[in-house]
Structures are given as C-alpha cells and as structure tokens.
Amino acid sequence: MNVELINCYNQVKNNLDLVIKELDKIQSEHNLVSDHD
C-alpha cells in the first residue's frame, strides 16, 4: 500500500544509476555536516 516504498523499489529496479548517484550525494552531505540531526 505504501506509495513511497513501491516507488523506491521501482526506482531501484528501473533507475538504479540515478538512485546511486543521489545516495552518494546525500551520504556525503550527511557525513560532512556538523549538525547531523
């Protein structure tokens, strides 16, 4: 039923390169900021 969850699986299925690129961006930003919360 969860729209966001099913979108996530569809994107991993069909647009994996774009998902990975965005994950790299978010991961880098989180690990570099001073205030993680």
PDB file of all heavy atoms in Angstrom:
ATOM      1  N   MET A   1       0.817  -1.211   0.000  1.00  0.00           N
ATOM      2  CA  MET A   1       0.000   0.000   0.000  1.00  0.00           C
ATOM      3  C   MET A   1       0.851   1.261   0.000  1.00  0.00           C
ATOM      4  O   MET A   1       0.421   2.322  -0.463  1.00  0.00           O
ATOM      5  CB  MET A   1      -0.912   0.017   1.234  1.00  0.00           C
ATOM      6  CG  MET A   1      -2.194  -0.771   1.072  1.00  0.00           C
ATOM      7  SD  MET A   1      -3.342  -0.012  -0.114  1.00  0.00           S
ATOM      8  CE  MET A   1      -3.802   1.478   0.764  1.00  0.00           C
ATOM      9  N   ASN A   2       2.065   1.172   0.545  1.00  0.00           N
ATOM     10  CA  ASN A   2       2.893   2.349   0.745  1.00  0.00           C
ATOM     11  C   ASN A   2       3.438   2.867  -0.587  1.00  0.00           C
ATOM     12  O   ASN A   2       4.255   2.221  -1.240  1.00  0.00           O
ATOM     13  CB  ASN A   2       4.052   2.001   1.693  1.00  0.00           C
ATOM     14  CG  ASN A   2       4.837   3.213   2.118  1.00  0.00           C
ATOM     15  OD1 ASN A   2       5.388   3.933   1.296  1.00  0.00           O
ATOM     16  ND2 ASN A   2       4.893   3.435   3.416  1.00  0.00           N
ATOM     17  N   VAL A   3       2.983   4.048  -0.971  1.00  0.00           N
ATOM     18  CA  VAL A   3       3.344   4.628  -2.266  1.00  0.00           C
ATOM     19  C   VAL A   3       4.842   4.889  -2.355  1.00  0.00           C
ATOM     20  O   VAL A   3       5.489   4.594  -3.366  1.00  0.00           O
ATOM     21  CB  VAL A   3       2.563   5.940  -2.503  1.00  0.00           C
ATOM     22  CG1 VAL A   3       3.016   6.612  -3.798  1.00  0.00           C
ATOM     23  CG2 VAL A   3       1.075   5.668  -2.541  1.00  0.00           C
ATOM     24  N   GLU A   4       5.429   5.439  -1.289  1.00  0.00           N
ATOM     25  CA  GLU A   4       6.855   5.771  -1.293  1.00  0.00           C
ATOM     26  C   GLU A   4       7.715   4.517  -1.367  1.00  0.00           C
ATOM     27  O   GLU A   4       8.742   4.493  -2.049  1.00  0.00           O
ATOM     28  CB  GLU A   4       7.221   6.585  -0.046  1.00  0.00           C
ATOM     29  CG  GLU A   4       6.628   7.981  -0.026  1.00  0.00           C
ATOM     30  CD  GLU A   4       5.142   7.974   0.341  1.00  0.00           C
ATOM     31  OE1 GLU A   4       4.658   6.946   0.852  1.00  0.00           O
ATOM     32  OE2 GLU A   4       4.474   8.988   0.091  1.00  0.00           O
ATOM     33  N   LEU A   5       7.291   3.475  -0.664  1.00  0.00           N
ATOM     34  CA  LEU A   5       8.046   2.223  -0.689  1.00  0.00           C
ATOM     35  C   LEU A   5       8.044   1.601  -2.084  1.00  0.00           C
ATOM     36  O   LEU A   5       9.098   1.186  -2.591  1.00  0.00           O
ATOM     37  CB  LEU A   5       7.451   1.235   0.320  1.00  0.00           C
ATOM     38  CG  LEU A   5       8.097  -0.147   0.370  1.00  0.00           C
ATOM     39  CD1 LEU A   5       9.523  -0.052   0.873  1.00  0.00           C
ATOM     40  CD2 LEU A   5       7.281  -1.097   1.244  1.00  0.00           C
ATOM     41  N   ILE A   6       6.872   1.559  -2.707  1.00  0.00           N
ATOM     42  CA  ILE A   6       6.785   0.976  -4.039  1.00  0.00           C
ATOM     43  C   ILE A   6       7.550   1.822  -5.046  1.00  0.00           C
ATOM     44  O   ILE A   6       8.211   1.295  -5.963  1.00  0.00           O
ATOM     45  CB  ILE A   6       5.312   0.800  -4.458  1.00  0.00           C
ATOM     46  CG1 ILE A   6       4.660  -0.290  -3.595  1.00  0.00           C
ATOM     47  CG2 ILE A   6       5.196   0.448  -5.934  1.00  0.00           C
ATOM     48  CD1 ILE A   6       5.357  -1.646  -3.649  1.00  0.00           C
ATOM     49  N   ASN A   7       7.517   3.137  -4.889  1.00  0.00           N
ATOM     50  CA  ASN A   7       8.353   3.986  -5.746  1.00  0.00           C
ATOM     51  C   ASN A   7       9.821   3.636  -5.579  1.00  0.00           C
ATOM     52  O   ASN A   7      10.575   3.568  -6.556  1.00  0.00           O
ATOM     53  CB  ASN A   7       8.142   5.463  -5.419  1.00  0.00           C
ATOM     54  CG  ASN A   7       9.127   6.353  -6.158  1.00  0.00           C
ATOM     55  OD1 ASN A   7       9.086   6.492  -7.371  1.00  0.00           O
ATOM     56  ND2 ASN A   7      10.065   6.954  -5.417  1.00  0.00           N
ATOM     57  N   CYS A   8      10.236   3.407  -4.343  1.00  0.00           N
ATOM     58  CA  CYS A   8      11.633   3.070  -4.073  1.00  0.00           C
ATOM     59  C   CYS A   8      12.032   1.793  -4.811  1.00  0.00           C
ATOM     60  O   CYS A   8      13.073   1.746  -5.473  1.00  0.00           O
ATOM     61  CB  CYS A   8      11.839   2.909  -2.563  1.00  0.00           C
ATOM     62  SG  CYS A   8      13.565   2.668  -2.082  1.00  0.00           S
ATOM     63  N   TYR A   9      11.200   0.762  -4.735  1.00  0.00           N
ATOM     64  CA  TYR A   9      11.523  -0.492  -5.427  1.00  0.00           C
ATOM     65  C   TYR A   9      11.506  -0.316  -6.943  1.00  0.00           C
ATOM     66  O   TYR A   9      12.348  -0.879  -7.649  1.00  0.00           O
ATOM     67  CB  TYR A   9      10.550  -1.597  -5.003  1.00  0.00           C
ATOM     68  CG  TYR A   9      10.840  -2.138  -3.621  1.00  0.00           C
ATOM     69  CD1 TYR A   9       9.868  -2.148  -2.631  1.00  0.00           C
ATOM     70  CD2 TYR A   9      12.101  -2.639  -3.300  1.00  0.00           C
ATOM     71  CE1 TYR A   9      10.134  -2.634  -1.360  1.00  0.00           C
ATOM     72  CE2 TYR A   9      12.376  -3.120  -2.032  1.00  0.00           C
ATOM     73  CZ  TYR A   9      11.391  -3.122  -1.068  1.00  0.00           C
ATOM     74  OH  TYR A   9      11.665  -3.598   0.189  1.00  0.00           O
ATOM     75  N   ASN A  10      10.564   0.460  -7.446  1.00  0.00           N
ATOM     76  CA  ASN A  10      10.524   0.700  -8.891  1.00  0.00           C
ATOM     77  C   ASN A  10      11.748   1.470  -9.372  1.00  0.00           C
ATOM     78  O   ASN A  10      12.280   1.194 -10.456  1.00  0.00           O
ATOM     79  CB  ASN A  10       9.250   1.468  -9.264  1.00  0.00           C
ATOM     80  CG  ASN A  10       8.068   0.555  -9.513  1.00  0.00           C
ATOM     81  OD1 ASN A  10       8.204  -0.502 -10.129  1.00  0.00           O
ATOM     82  ND2 ASN A  10       6.903   0.946  -9.026  1.00  0.00           N
ATOM     83  N   GLN A  11      12.207   2.412  -8.571  1.00  0.00           N
ATOM     84  CA  GLN A  11      13.383   3.191  -8.963  1.00  0.00           C
ATOM     85  C   GLN A  11      14.651   2.332  -8.907  1.00  0.00           C
ATOM     86  O   GLN A  11      15.526   2.429  -9.777  1.00  0.00           O
ATOM     87  CB  GLN A  11      13.530   4.421  -8.058  1.00  0.00           C
ATOM     88  CG  GLN A  11      12.394   5.420  -8.176  1.00  0.00           C
ATOM     89  CD  GLN A  11      12.234   5.990  -9.572  1.00  0.00           C
ATOM     90  OE1 GLN A  11      13.210   6.177 -10.294  1.00  0.00           O
ATOM     91  NE2 GLN A  11      10.993   6.265  -9.965  1.00  0.00           N
ATOM     92  N   VAL A  12      14.772   1.488  -7.893  1.00  0.00           N
ATOM     93  CA  VAL A  12      15.924   0.574  -7.818  1.00  0.00           C
ATOM     94  C   VAL A  12      15.879  -0.402  -8.987  1.00  0.00           C
ATOM     95  O   VAL A  12      16.914  -0.763  -9.558  1.00  0.00           O
ATOM     96  CB  VAL A  12      15.937  -0.174  -6.466  1.00  0.00           C
ATOM     97  CG1 VAL A  12      16.961  -1.310  -6.473  1.00  0.00           C
ATOM     98  CG2 VAL A  12      16.244   0.800  -5.332  1.00  0.00           C
ATOM     99  N   LYS A  13      14.694  -0.811  -9.360  1.00  0.00           N
ATOM    100  CA  LYS A  13      14.522  -1.731 -10.492  1.00  0.00           C
ATOM    101  C   LYS A  13      14.880  -1.071 -11.823  1.00  0.00           C
ATOM    102  O   LYS A  13      15.600  -1.663 -12.636  1.00  0.00           O
ATOM    103  CB  LYS A  13      13.068  -2.214 -10.525  1.00  0.00           C
ATOM    104  CG  LYS A  13      12.705  -3.069 -11.734  1.00  0.00           C
ATOM    105  CD  LYS A  13      11.227  -3.446 -11.694  1.00  0.00           C
ATOM    106  CE  LYS A  13      10.829  -4.261 -12.928  1.00  0.00           C
ATOM    107  NZ  LYS A  13       9.392  -4.665 -12.880  1.00  0.00           N
ATOM    108  N   ASN A  14      14.409   0.160 -12.034  1.00  0.00           N
ATOM    109  CA  ASN A  14      14.472   0.772 -13.362  1.00  0.00           C
ATOM    110  C   ASN A  14      15.479   1.904 -13.512  1.00  0.00           C
ATOM    111  O   ASN A  14      15.902   2.196 -14.640  1.00  0.00           O
ATOM    112  CB  ASN A  14      13.083   1.301 -13.742  1.00  0.00           C
ATOM    113  CG  ASN A  14      12.037   0.202 -13.799  1.00  0.00           C
ATOM    114  OD1 ASN A  14      12.283  -0.865 -14.340  1.00  0.00           O
ATOM    115  ND2 ASN A  14      10.871   0.463 -13.223  1.00  0.00           N
ATOM    116  N   ASN A  15      15.851   2.560 -12.424  1.00  0.00           N
ATOM    117  CA  ASN A  15      16.731   3.736 -12.496  1.00  0.00           C
ATOM    118  C   ASN A  15      17.855   3.664 -11.454  1.00  0.00           C
ATOM    119  O   ASN A  15      18.123   4.644 -10.752  1.00  0.00           O
ATOM    120  CB  ASN A  15      15.908   5.013 -12.291  1.00  0.00           C
ATOM    121  CG  ASN A  15      14.877   5.224 -13.365  1.00  0.00           C
ATOM    122  OD1 ASN A  15      15.191   5.164 -14.554  1.00  0.00           O
ATOM    123  ND2 ASN A  15      13.641   5.464 -12.964  1.00  0.00           N
ATOM    124  N   LEU A  16      18.500   2.514 -11.372  1.00  0.00           N
ATOM    125  CA  LEU A  16      19.459   2.294 -10.305  1.00  0.00           C
ATOM    126  C   LEU A  16      20.606   3.300 -10.332  1.00  0.00           C
ATOM    127  O   LEU A  16      21.038   3.786  -9.273  1.00  0.00           O
ATOM    128  CB  LEU A  16      20.013   0.864 -10.381  1.00  0.00           C
ATOM    129  CG  LEU A  16      20.990   0.488  -9.258  1.00  0.00           C
ATOM    130  CD1 LEU A  16      20.320   0.619  -7.894  1.00  0.00           C
ATOM    131  CD2 LEU A  16      21.513  -0.925  -9.457  1.00  0.00           C
ATOM    132  N   ASP A  17      21.127   3.625 -11.509  1.00  0.00           N
ATOM    133  CA  ASP A  17      22.255   4.560 -11.584  1.00  0.00           C
ATOM    134  C   ASP A  17      21.898   5.918 -10.975  1.00  0.00           C
ATOM    135  O   ASP A  17      22.716   6.526 -10.266  1.00  0.00           O
ATOM    136  CB  ASP A  17      22.700   4.752 -13.034  1.00  0.00           C
ATOM    137  CG  ASP A  17      23.379   3.513 -13.602  1.00  0.00           C
ATOM    138  OD1 ASP A  17      23.762   2.637 -12.793  1.00  0.00           O
ATOM    139  OD2 ASP A  17      23.532   3.435 -14.827  1.00  0.00           O
ATOM    140  N   LEU A  18      20.686   6.388 -11.227  1.00  0.00           N
ATOM    141  CA  LEU A  18      20.256   7.669 -10.676  1.00  0.00           C
ATOM    142  C   LEU A  18      20.062   7.591  -9.167  1.00  0.00           C
ATOM    143  O   LEU A  18      20.392   8.532  -8.436  1.00  0.00           O
ATOM    144  CB  LEU A  18      18.956   8.120 -11.351  1.00  0.00           C
ATOM    145  CG  LEU A  18      19.068   8.504 -12.824  1.00  0.00           C
ATOM    146  CD1 LEU A  18      17.688   8.780 -13.410  1.00  0.00           C
ATOM    147  CD2 LEU A  18      19.975   9.716 -12.993  1.00  0.00           C
ATOM    148  N   VAL A  19      19.536   6.471  -8.699  1.00  0.00           N
ATOM    149  CA  VAL A  19      19.364   6.278  -7.247  1.00  0.00           C
ATOM    150  C   VAL A  19      20.724   6.299  -6.555  1.00  0.00           C
ATOM    151  O   VAL A  19      20.908   6.963  -5.529  1.00  0.00           O
ATOM    152  CB  VAL A  19      18.622   4.960  -6.948  1.00  0.00           C
ATOM    153  CG1 VAL A  19      18.578   4.701  -5.443  1.00  0.00           C
ATOM    154  CG2 VAL A  19      17.203   4.993  -7.510  1.00  0.00           C
ATOM    155  N   ILE A  20      21.695   5.579  -7.109  1.00  0.00           N
ATOM    156  CA  ILE A  20      23.033   5.527  -6.519  1.00  0.00           C
ATOM    157  C   ILE A  20      23.681   6.901  -6.507  1.00  0.00           C
ATOM    158  O   ILE A  20      24.311   7.310  -5.508  1.00  0.00           O
ATOM    159  CB  ILE A  20      23.910   4.503  -7.274  1.00  0.00           C
ATOM    160  CG1 ILE A  20      23.451   3.078  -6.947  1.00  0.00           C
ATOM    161  CG2 ILE A  20      25.386   4.684  -6.930  1.00  0.00           C
ATOM    162  CD1 ILE A  20      24.186   2.002  -7.709  1.00  0.00           C
ATOM    163  N   LYS A  21      23.536   7.648  -7.579  1.00  0.00           N
ATOM    164  CA  LYS A  21      24.103   8.992  -7.647  1.00  0.00           C
ATOM    165  C   LYS A  21      23.524   9.881  -6.552  1.00  0.00           C
ATOM    166  O   LYS A  21      24.248  10.631  -5.873  1.00  0.00           O
ATOM    167  CB  LYS A  21      23.831   9.601  -9.019  1.00  0.00           C
ATOM    168  CG  LYS A  21      24.452  10.976  -9.219  1.00  0.00           C
ATOM    169  CD  LYS A  21      24.190  11.494 -10.636  1.00  0.00           C
ATOM    170  CE  LYS A  21      24.800  12.878 -10.830  1.00  0.00           C
ATOM    171  NZ  LYS A  21      24.549  13.380 -12.222  1.00  0.00           N
ATOM    172  N   GLU A  22      22.215   9.777  -6.345  1.00  0.00           N
ATOM    173  CA  GLU A  22      21.564  10.584  -5.309  1.00  0.00           C
ATOM    174  C   GLU A  22      21.944  10.111  -3.910  1.00  0.00           C
ATOM    175  O   GLU A  22      22.137  10.922  -2.997  1.00  0.00           O
ATOM    176  CB  GLU A  22      20.044  10.527  -5.493  1.00  0.00           C
ATOM    177  CG  GLU A  22      19.263  11.524  -4.673  1.00  0.00           C
ATOM    178  CD  GLU A  22      19.471  12.961  -5.097  1.00  0.00           C
ATOM    179  OE1 GLU A  22      19.969  13.198  -6.216  1.00  0.00           O
ATOM    180  OE2 GLU A  22      19.135  13.870  -4.300  1.00  0.00           O
ATOM    181  N   LEU A  23      22.079   8.805  -3.731  1.00  0.00           N
ATOM    182  CA  LEU A  23      22.517   8.267  -2.437  1.00  0.00           C
ATOM    183  C   LEU A  23      23.923   8.756  -2.097  1.00  0.00           C
ATOM    184  O   LEU A  23      24.214   9.094  -0.944  1.00  0.00           O
ATOM    185  CB  LEU A  23      22.477   6.739  -2.460  1.00  0.00           C
ATOM    186  CG  LEU A  23      21.104   6.082  -2.364  1.00  0.00           C
ATOM    187  CD1 LEU A  23      21.217   4.583  -2.601  1.00  0.00           C
ATOM    188  CD2 LEU A  23      20.454   6.353  -1.010  1.00  0.00           C
ATOM    189  N   ASP A  24      24.803   8.759  -3.079  1.00  0.00           N
ATOM    190  CA  ASP A  24      26.167   9.256  -2.865  1.00  0.00           C
ATOM    191  C   ASP A  24      26.151  10.710  -2.400  1.00  0.00           C
ATOM    192  O   ASP A  24      26.891  11.104  -1.492  1.00  0.00           O
ATOM    193  CB  ASP A  24      26.993   9.127  -4.147  1.00  0.00           C
ATOM    194  CG  ASP A  24      27.387   7.698  -4.460  1.00  0.00           C
ATOM    195  OD1 ASP A  24      27.369   6.860  -3.533  1.00  0.00           O
ATOM    196  OD2 ASP A  24      27.701   7.413  -5.628  1.00  0.00           O
ATOM    197  N   LYS A  25      25.294  11.508  -3.017  1.00  0.00           N
ATOM    198  CA  LYS A  25      25.177  12.928  -2.661  1.00  0.00           C
ATOM    199  C   LYS A  25      24.695  13.097  -1.218  1.00  0.00           C
ATOM    200  O   LYS A  25      25.300  13.837  -0.424  1.00  0.00           O
ATOM    201  CB  LYS A  25      24.213  13.609  -3.628  1.00  0.00           C
ATOM    202  CG  LYS A  25      23.857  15.055  -3.286  1.00  0.00           C
ATOM    203  CD  LYS A  25      22.919  15.615  -4.337  1.00  0.00           C
ATOM    204  CE  LYS A  25      22.368  16.984  -3.930  1.00  0.00           C
ATOM    205  NZ  LYS A  25      21.386  16.852  -2.817  1.00  0.00           N
ATOM    206  N   ILE A  26      23.619  12.394  -0.868  1.00  0.00           N
ATOM    207  CA  ILE A  26      23.057  12.522   0.480  1.00  0.00           C
ATOM    208  C   ILE A  26      24.027  11.985   1.522  1.00  0.00           C
ATOM    209  O   ILE A  26      24.224  12.586   2.587  1.00  0.00           O
ATOM    210  CB  ILE A  26      21.703  11.782   0.562  1.00  0.00           C
ATOM    211  CG1 ILE A  26      20.681  12.453  -0.354  1.00  0.00           C
ATOM    212  CG2 ILE A  26      21.187  11.743   1.993  1.00  0.00           C
ATOM    213  CD1 ILE A  26      19.358  11.715  -0.447  1.00  0.00           C
ATOM    214  N   GLN A  27      24.642  10.848   1.229  1.00  0.00           N
ATOM    215  CA  GLN A  27      25.597  10.250   2.172  1.00  0.00           C
ATOM    216  C   GLN A  27      26.759  11.203   2.443  1.00  0.00           C
ATOM    217  O   GLN A  27      27.165  11.391   3.599  1.00  0.00           O
ATOM    218  CB  GLN A  27      26.111   8.932   1.606  1.00  0.00           C
ATOM    219  CG  GLN A  27      27.130   8.217   2.487  1.00  0.00           C
ATOM    220  CD  GLN A  27      27.493   6.866   1.911  1.00  0.00           C
ATOM    221  OE1 GLN A  27      26.680   5.948   1.909  1.00  0.00           O
ATOM    222  NE2 GLN A  27      28.716   6.730   1.409  1.00  0.00           N
ATOM    223  N   SER A  28      27.293  11.794   1.387  1.00  0.00           N
ATOM    224  CA  SER A  28      28.410  12.724   1.542  1.00  0.00           C
ATOM    225  C   SER A  28      28.006  13.940   2.365  1.00  0.00           C
ATOM    226  O   SER A  28      28.736  14.371   3.266  1.00  0.00           O
ATOM    227  CB  SER A  28      28.907  13.165   0.167  1.00  0.00           C
ATOM    228  OG  SER A  28      29.933  14.120   0.285  1.00  0.00           O
ATOM    229  N   GLU A  29      26.825  14.477   2.081  1.00  0.00           N
ATOM    230  CA  GLU A  29      26.354  15.650   2.819  1.00  0.00           C
ATOM    231  C   GLU A  29      26.163  15.331   4.300  1.00  0.00           C
ATOM    232  O   GLU A  29      26.574  16.109   5.168  1.00  0.00           O
ATOM    233  CB  GLU A  29      25.048  16.152   2.213  1.00  0.00           C
ATOM    234  CG  GLU A  29      25.223  16.787   0.839  1.00  0.00           C
ATOM    235  CD  GLU A  29      23.902  17.173   0.195  1.00  0.00           C
ATOM    236  OE1 GLU A  29      22.833  16.767   0.712  1.00  0.00           O
ATOM    237  OE2 GLU A  29      23.942  17.877  -0.830  1.00  0.00           O
ATOM    238  N   HIS A  30      25.530  14.203   4.598  1.00  0.00           N
ATOM    239  CA  HIS A  30      25.308  13.827   5.999  1.00  0.00           C
ATOM    240  C   HIS A  30      26.629  13.682   6.749  1.00  0.00           C
ATOM    241  O   HIS A  30      26.773  14.167   7.875  1.00  0.00           O
ATOM    242  CB  HIS A  30      24.529  12.511   6.084  1.00  0.00           C
ATOM    243  CG  HIS A  30      24.357  12.015   7.487  1.00  0.00           C
ATOM    244  ND1 HIS A  30      23.198  12.204   8.214  1.00  0.00           N
ATOM    245  CD2 HIS A  30      25.208  11.341   8.329  1.00  0.00           C
ATOM    246  CE1 HIS A  30      23.347  11.686   9.417  1.00  0.00           C
ATOM    247  NE2 HIS A  30      24.554  11.139   9.517  1.00  0.00           N
ATOM    248  N   ASN A  31      27.577  12.992   6.128  1.00  0.00           N
ATOM    249  CA  ASN A  31      28.831  12.687   6.818  1.00  0.00           C
ATOM    250  C   ASN A  31      29.734  13.907   6.968  1.00  0.00           C
ATOM    251  O   ASN A  31      30.669  13.885   7.771  1.00  0.00           O
ATOM    252  CB  ASN A  31      29.566  11.564   6.081  1.00  0.00           C
ATOM    253  CG  ASN A  31      28.830  10.241   6.168  1.00  0.00           C
ATOM    254  OD1 ASN A  31      27.996  10.038   7.045  1.00  0.00           O
ATOM    255  ND2 ASN A  31      29.124   9.333   5.250  1.00  0.00           N
ATOM    256  N   LEU A  32      29.462  14.983   6.211  1.00  0.00           N
ATOM    257  CA  LEU A  32      30.307  16.177   6.282  1.00  0.00           C
ATOM    258  C   LEU A  32      29.738  17.286   7.155  1.00  0.00           C
ATOM    259  O   LEU A  32      30.493  18.129   7.658  1.00  0.00           O
ATOM    260  CB  LEU A  32      30.547  16.724   4.863  1.00  0.00           C
ATOM    261  CG  LEU A  32      31.472  15.900   3.960  1.00  0.00           C
ATOM    262  CD1 LEU A  32      31.498  16.486   2.554  1.00  0.00           C
ATOM    263  CD2 LEU A  32      32.893  15.846   4.543  1.00  0.00           C
ATOM    264  N   VAL A  33      28.412  17.313   7.344  1.00  0.00           N
ATOM    265  CA  VAL A  33      27.812  18.412   8.110  1.00  0.00           C
ATOM    266  C   VAL A  33      28.154  18.291   9.590  1.00  0.00           C
ATOM    267  O   VAL A  33      28.450  17.198  10.099  1.00  0.00           O
ATOM    268  CB  VAL A  33      26.284  18.452   7.941  1.00  0.00           C
ATOM    269  CG1 VAL A  33      25.914  18.722   6.501  1.00  0.00           C
ATOM    270  CG2 VAL A  33      25.646  17.167   8.452  1.00  0.00           C
ATOM    271  N   SER A  34      28.114  19.421  10.277  1.00  0.00           N
ATOM    272  CA  SER A  34      28.415  19.431  11.710  1.00  0.00           C
ATOM    273  C   SER A  34      27.204  19.043  12.550  1.00  0.00           C
ATOM    274  O   SER A  34      27.340  18.451  13.625  1.00  0.00           O
ATOM    275  CB  SER A  34      28.915  20.818  12.139  1.00  0.00           C
ATOM    276  OG  SER A  34      27.958  21.804  11.799  1.00  0.00           O
ATOM    277  N   ASP A  35      26.012  19.370  12.062  1.00  0.00           N
ATOM    278  CA  ASP A  35      24.792  19.051  12.803  1.00  0.00           C
ATOM    279  C   ASP A  35      24.021  17.977  12.037  1.00  0.00           C
ATOM    280  O   ASP A  35      23.238  18.271  11.131  1.00  0.00           O
ATOM    281  CB  ASP A  35      23.926  20.302  12.972  1.00  0.00           C
ATOM    282  CG  ASP A  35      22.788  20.106  13.971  1.00  0.00           C
ATOM    283  OD1 ASP A  35      22.324  18.951  14.103  1.00  0.00           O
ATOM    284  OD2 ASP A  35      22.356  21.097  14.587  1.00  0.00           O
ATOM    285  N   HIS A  36      24.240  16.721  12.407  1.00  0.00           N
ATOM    286  CA  HIS A  36      23.624  15.600  11.692  1.00  0.00           C
ATOM    287  C   HIS A  36      22.123  15.547  11.908  1.00  0.00           C
ATOM    288  O   HIS A  36      21.377  15.170  10.999  1.00  0.00           O
ATOM    289  CB  HIS A  36      24.277  14.288  12.118  1.00  0.00           C
ATOM    290  CG  HIS A  36      25.748  14.263  11.884  1.00  0.00           C
ATOM    291  ND1 HIS A  36      26.658  14.634  12.852  1.00  0.00           N
ATOM    292  CD2 HIS A  36      26.476  13.940  10.785  1.00  0.00           C
ATOM    293  CE1 HIS A  36      27.879  14.519  12.364  1.00  0.00           C
ATOM    294  NE2 HIS A  36      27.802  14.108  11.123  1.00  0.00           N
ATOM    295  N   ASP A  37      21.664  15.913  13.106  1.00  0.00           N
ATOM    296  CA  ASP A  37      20.225  15.922  13.361  1.00  0.00           C
ATOM    297  C   ASP A  37      19.515  16.944  12.473  1.00  0.00           C
ATOM    298  O   ASP A  37      18.465  16.665  11.903  1.00  0.00           O
ATOM    299  CB  ASP A  37      19.943  16.233  14.830  1.00  0.00           C
ATOM    300  CG  ASP A  37      20.200  15.039  15.731  1.00  0.00           C
ATOM    301  OD1 ASP A  37      20.521  13.952  15.202  1.00  0.00           O
ATOM    302  OD2 ASP A  37      20.080  15.181  16.954  1.00  0.00           O
TER     303      ASP A  37
END
